[in-house]
Amino acid sequence: MKYVPVNVPVARQDGGFVVQLGAFASYANAQNFVAHLANQFAPLGVEPTVRQVNGLFRVFIGPYPARDDAKRTADRLRDALGLASTISVH
């Protein structure tokens, strides 16, 4: 089955929901995770971001204006790459 990307709107302001792909104790580990998967993210039309929250460096995609938008992206990542993720409030 060929995967066809579906564009999901990304919110332009803070707020909304994000798809969190991982949380790391060090920035270097978070960046290594992103770099390791970078060529797999591009065809899906997503770009991960690293943000420090509560002492951890979290890798996420978004924000999306609605939880359903974030869920669609999480489902695409799971189906295409086998990545587990969580939906979080941004």
N, C-alpha and C. Protein backbone atom coordinates (compact mmCIF):
# COMPACT_ATOMS: atom_id res chain seq x y z
N MET A 1 0.84 -1.18 0.00
CA MET A 1 0.00 0.00 0.00
C MET A 1 0.88 1.24 0.00
N LYS A 2 0.62 2.14 -0.90
CA LYS A 2 1.39 3.37 -0.98
C LYS A 2 0.81 4.40 -0.03
N TYR A 3 1.69 5.07 0.72
CA TYR A 3 1.25 6.09 1.67
C TYR A 3 1.10 7.43 0.95
N VAL A 4 -0.03 8.06 1.14
CA VAL A 4 -0.28 9.39 0.58
C VAL A 4 -0.40 10.36 1.74
N PRO A 5 0.52 11.34 1.86
CA PRO A 5 0.45 12.26 2.99
C PRO A 5 -0.81 13.12 2.94
N VAL A 6 -1.34 13.37 4.12
CA VAL A 6 -2.49 14.25 4.26
C VAL A 6 -2.03 15.46 5.04
N ASN A 7 -2.22 16.64 4.49
CA ASN A 7 -1.81 17.85 5.19
C ASN A 7 -2.79 18.15 6.30
N VAL A 8 -2.25 18.30 7.51
CA VAL A 8 -3.04 18.65 8.68
C VAL A 8 -2.58 20.04 9.10
N PRO A 9 -3.50 20.95 9.36
CA PRO A 9 -3.08 22.31 9.71
C PRO A 9 -2.29 22.35 11.01
N VAL A 10 -1.25 23.15 11.02
CA VAL A 10 -0.46 23.37 12.23
C VAL A 10 -0.80 24.76 12.75
N ALA A 11 -1.08 24.85 14.06
CA ALA A 11 -1.46 26.12 14.67
C ALA A 11 -0.31 27.12 14.55
N ARG A 12 -0.63 28.36 14.35
CA ARG A 12 0.40 29.40 14.22
C ARG A 12 0.77 30.01 15.57
N GLN A 13 -0.02 29.79 16.59
CA GLN A 13 0.28 30.37 17.89
C GLN A 13 0.39 29.26 18.94
N ASP A 14 0.88 29.65 20.12
CA ASP A 14 0.94 28.68 21.22
C ASP A 14 -0.47 28.24 21.56
N GLY A 15 -0.54 27.10 22.21
CA GLY A 15 -1.84 26.54 22.53
C GLY A 15 -2.09 25.35 21.63
N GLY A 16 -3.20 24.71 21.81
CA GLY A 16 -3.51 23.57 20.99
C GLY A 16 -2.84 22.31 21.53
N PHE A 17 -2.55 21.38 20.61
CA PHE A 17 -2.05 20.07 20.99
C PHE A 17 -0.81 19.71 20.16
N VAL A 18 0.05 18.91 20.76
CA VAL A 18 1.25 18.45 20.06
C VAL A 18 1.30 16.92 20.12
N VAL A 19 2.04 16.35 19.18
CA VAL A 19 2.34 14.92 19.18
C VAL A 19 3.75 14.79 19.75
N GLN A 20 3.85 14.22 20.94
CA GLN A 20 5.16 14.05 21.56
C GLN A 20 5.72 12.69 21.18
N LEU A 21 6.94 12.70 20.66
CA LEU A 21 7.59 11.48 20.20
C LEU A 21 8.59 10.93 21.20
N GLY A 22 9.05 11.76 22.12
CA GLY A 22 10.03 11.30 23.09
C GLY A 22 10.40 12.39 24.06
N ALA A 23 10.99 11.99 25.18
CA ALA A 23 11.49 12.92 26.19
C ALA A 23 12.86 12.43 26.62
N PHE A 24 13.83 13.33 26.64
CA PHE A 24 15.21 12.95 26.89
C PHE A 24 15.80 13.83 27.99
N ALA A 25 16.74 13.26 28.75
CA ALA A 25 17.39 14.01 29.82
C ALA A 25 18.40 15.01 29.26
N SER A 26 18.93 14.74 28.06
CA SER A 26 19.91 15.67 27.50
C SER A 26 19.47 16.17 26.13
N TYR A 27 19.84 17.39 25.83
CA TYR A 27 19.53 17.99 24.54
C TYR A 27 20.19 17.20 23.41
N ALA A 28 21.43 16.76 23.64
CA ALA A 28 22.16 16.00 22.61
C ALA A 28 21.40 14.73 22.23
N ASN A 29 20.84 14.03 23.20
CA ASN A 29 20.10 12.80 22.90
C ASN A 29 18.82 13.12 22.12
N ALA A 30 18.15 14.21 22.46
CA ALA A 30 16.95 14.60 21.73
C ALA A 30 17.30 14.95 20.29
N GLN A 31 18.38 15.68 20.09
CA GLN A 31 18.82 16.05 18.74
C GLN A 31 19.24 14.81 17.94
N ASN A 32 19.91 13.87 18.59
CA ASN A 32 20.31 12.64 17.91
C ASN A 32 19.09 11.85 17.45
N PHE A 33 18.05 11.81 18.27
CA PHE A 33 16.80 11.13 17.90
C PHE A 33 16.20 11.78 16.65
N VAL A 34 16.13 13.11 16.65
CA VAL A 34 15.59 13.84 15.51
C VAL A 34 16.44 13.59 14.26
N ALA A 35 17.75 13.68 14.41
CA ALA A 35 18.64 13.48 13.27
C ALA A 35 18.52 12.06 12.71
N HIS A 36 18.39 11.09 13.58
CA HIS A 36 18.29 9.69 13.17
C HIS A 36 17.05 9.44 12.30
N LEU A 37 15.97 10.16 12.59
CA LEU A 37 14.71 9.95 11.86
C LEU A 37 14.39 11.04 10.84
N ALA A 38 15.28 12.00 10.68
CA ALA A 38 15.00 13.17 9.82
C ALA A 38 14.57 12.78 8.41
N ASN A 39 15.29 11.85 7.79
CA ASN A 39 14.94 11.50 6.41
C ASN A 39 13.62 10.74 6.32
N GLN A 40 13.14 10.19 7.43
CA GLN A 40 11.85 9.52 7.44
C GLN A 40 10.69 10.48 7.70
N PHE A 41 10.98 11.59 8.38
CA PHE A 41 9.94 12.59 8.65
C PHE A 41 9.58 13.39 7.41
N ALA A 42 10.56 13.71 6.59
CA ALA A 42 10.35 14.59 5.44
C ALA A 42 9.23 14.12 4.51
N PRO A 43 9.20 12.85 4.10
CA PRO A 43 8.12 12.42 3.20
C PRO A 43 6.73 12.51 3.84
N LEU A 44 6.68 12.53 5.17
CA LEU A 44 5.39 12.61 5.86
C LEU A 44 4.93 14.05 6.04
N GLY A 45 5.79 15.00 5.69
CA GLY A 45 5.42 16.41 5.79
C GLY A 45 5.38 16.93 7.21
N VAL A 46 6.18 16.35 8.11
CA VAL A 46 6.22 16.82 9.49
C VAL A 46 7.65 17.21 9.84
N GLU A 47 7.77 18.14 10.76
CA GLU A 47 9.08 18.60 11.21
C GLU A 47 9.08 18.65 12.73
N PRO A 48 9.86 17.77 13.37
CA PRO A 48 9.90 17.75 14.83
C PRO A 48 10.64 18.95 15.40
N THR A 49 10.27 19.30 16.61
CA THR A 49 10.88 20.39 17.35
C THR A 49 11.30 19.84 18.71
N VAL A 50 12.38 20.38 19.26
CA VAL A 50 12.82 20.01 20.61
C VAL A 50 12.54 21.20 21.52
N ARG A 51 11.91 20.91 22.66
CA ARG A 51 11.57 21.96 23.62
C ARG A 51 11.84 21.42 25.02
N GLN A 52 12.43 22.27 25.87
CA GLN A 52 12.69 21.85 27.25
C GLN A 52 11.47 22.17 28.11
N VAL A 53 10.96 21.13 28.78
CA VAL A 53 9.81 21.28 29.66
C VAL A 53 10.07 20.45 30.92
N ASN A 54 10.01 21.09 32.07
CA ASN A 54 10.19 20.41 33.35
C ASN A 54 11.47 19.58 33.40
N GLY A 55 12.55 20.14 32.89
CA GLY A 55 13.86 19.49 32.97
C GLY A 55 14.13 18.43 31.92
N LEU A 56 13.16 18.16 31.05
CA LEU A 56 13.37 17.18 29.99
C LEU A 56 13.30 17.86 28.63
N PHE A 57 14.01 17.31 27.67
CA PHE A 57 13.98 17.82 26.31
C PHE A 57 13.01 16.96 25.52
N ARG A 58 11.88 17.54 25.17
CA ARG A 58 10.79 16.81 24.53
C ARG A 58 10.81 17.04 23.03
N VAL A 59 10.67 15.95 22.29
CA VAL A 59 10.61 16.01 20.83
C VAL A 59 9.14 15.93 20.46
N PHE A 60 8.66 16.94 19.73
CA PHE A 60 7.24 16.97 19.39
C PHE A 60 7.03 17.52 17.99
N ILE A 61 5.82 17.30 17.49
CA ILE A 61 5.37 17.84 16.22
C ILE A 61 4.09 18.62 16.50
N GLY A 62 3.98 19.79 15.91
CA GLY A 62 2.81 20.64 16.13
C GLY A 62 3.24 22.01 16.57
N PRO A 63 2.38 22.79 17.12
CA PRO A 63 1.07 22.44 17.66
C PRO A 63 -0.03 22.40 16.59
N TYR A 64 -1.07 21.65 16.92
CA TYR A 64 -2.27 21.55 16.10
C TYR A 64 -3.42 22.20 16.85
N PRO A 65 -4.35 22.81 16.14
CA PRO A 65 -5.44 23.54 16.80
C PRO A 65 -6.42 22.63 17.54
N ALA A 66 -6.55 21.37 17.12
CA ALA A 66 -7.51 20.47 17.75
C ALA A 66 -6.85 19.12 18.03
N ARG A 67 -7.32 18.46 19.07
CA ARG A 67 -6.79 17.14 19.44
C ARG A 67 -6.92 16.15 18.27
N ASP A 68 -8.02 16.20 17.52
CA ASP A 68 -8.21 15.29 16.39
C ASP A 68 -7.14 15.47 15.33
N ASP A 69 -6.71 16.71 15.09
CA ASP A 69 -5.63 16.97 14.12
C ASP A 69 -4.33 16.32 14.58
N ALA A 70 -4.02 16.47 15.87
CA ALA A 70 -2.81 15.86 16.42
C ALA A 70 -2.91 14.34 16.36
N LYS A 71 -4.08 13.81 16.63
CA LYS A 71 -4.30 12.35 16.60
C LYS A 71 -4.08 11.80 15.20
N ARG A 72 -4.53 12.51 14.17
CA ARG A 72 -4.32 12.05 12.79
C ARG A 72 -2.82 11.96 12.47
N THR A 73 -2.06 12.97 12.93
CA THR A 73 -0.62 12.93 12.71
C THR A 73 0.02 11.79 13.48
N ALA A 74 -0.39 11.58 14.73
CA ALA A 74 0.15 10.48 15.53
C ALA A 74 -0.14 9.14 14.86
N ASP A 75 -1.34 8.99 14.31
CA ASP A 75 -1.70 7.75 13.62
C ASP A 75 -0.84 7.54 12.37
N ARG A 76 -0.58 8.61 11.62
CA ARG A 76 0.27 8.52 10.43
C ARG A 76 1.67 8.09 10.81
N LEU A 77 2.23 8.67 11.88
CA LEU A 77 3.58 8.32 12.31
C LEU A 77 3.65 6.87 12.78
N ARG A 78 2.62 6.42 13.47
CA ARG A 78 2.58 5.02 13.92
C ARG A 78 2.50 4.08 12.72
N ASP A 79 1.61 4.39 11.78
CA ASP A 79 1.42 3.51 10.62
C ASP A 79 2.64 3.49 9.70
N ALA A 80 3.25 4.65 9.46
CA ALA A 80 4.36 4.75 8.52
C ALA A 80 5.71 4.35 9.12
N LEU A 81 5.93 4.70 10.39
CA LEU A 81 7.25 4.51 10.99
C LEU A 81 7.26 3.61 12.21
N GLY A 82 6.09 3.23 12.69
CA GLY A 82 6.02 2.42 13.90
C GLY A 82 6.35 3.18 15.17
N LEU A 83 6.22 4.51 15.13
CA LEU A 83 6.56 5.33 16.29
C LEU A 83 5.39 5.46 17.26
N ALA A 84 5.66 5.15 18.51
CA ALA A 84 4.68 5.40 19.55
C ALA A 84 4.75 6.88 19.92
N SER A 85 3.62 7.45 20.26
CA SER A 85 3.60 8.87 20.62
C SER A 85 2.46 9.12 21.59
N THR A 86 2.45 10.33 22.14
CA THR A 86 1.36 10.76 23.00
C THR A 86 0.88 12.12 22.52
N ILE A 87 -0.36 12.42 22.79
CA ILE A 87 -0.92 13.73 22.47
C ILE A 87 -0.88 14.54 23.77
N SER A 88 -0.32 15.74 23.70
CA SER A 88 -0.18 16.60 24.88
C SER A 88 -0.72 17.98 24.57
N VAL A 89 -1.15 18.68 25.61
CA VAL A 89 -1.54 20.07 25.47
C VAL A 89 -0.27 20.88 25.32
N HIS A 90 -0.27 21.81 24.37
CA HIS A 90 0.93 22.61 24.10
C HIS A 90 1.02 23.75 25.08
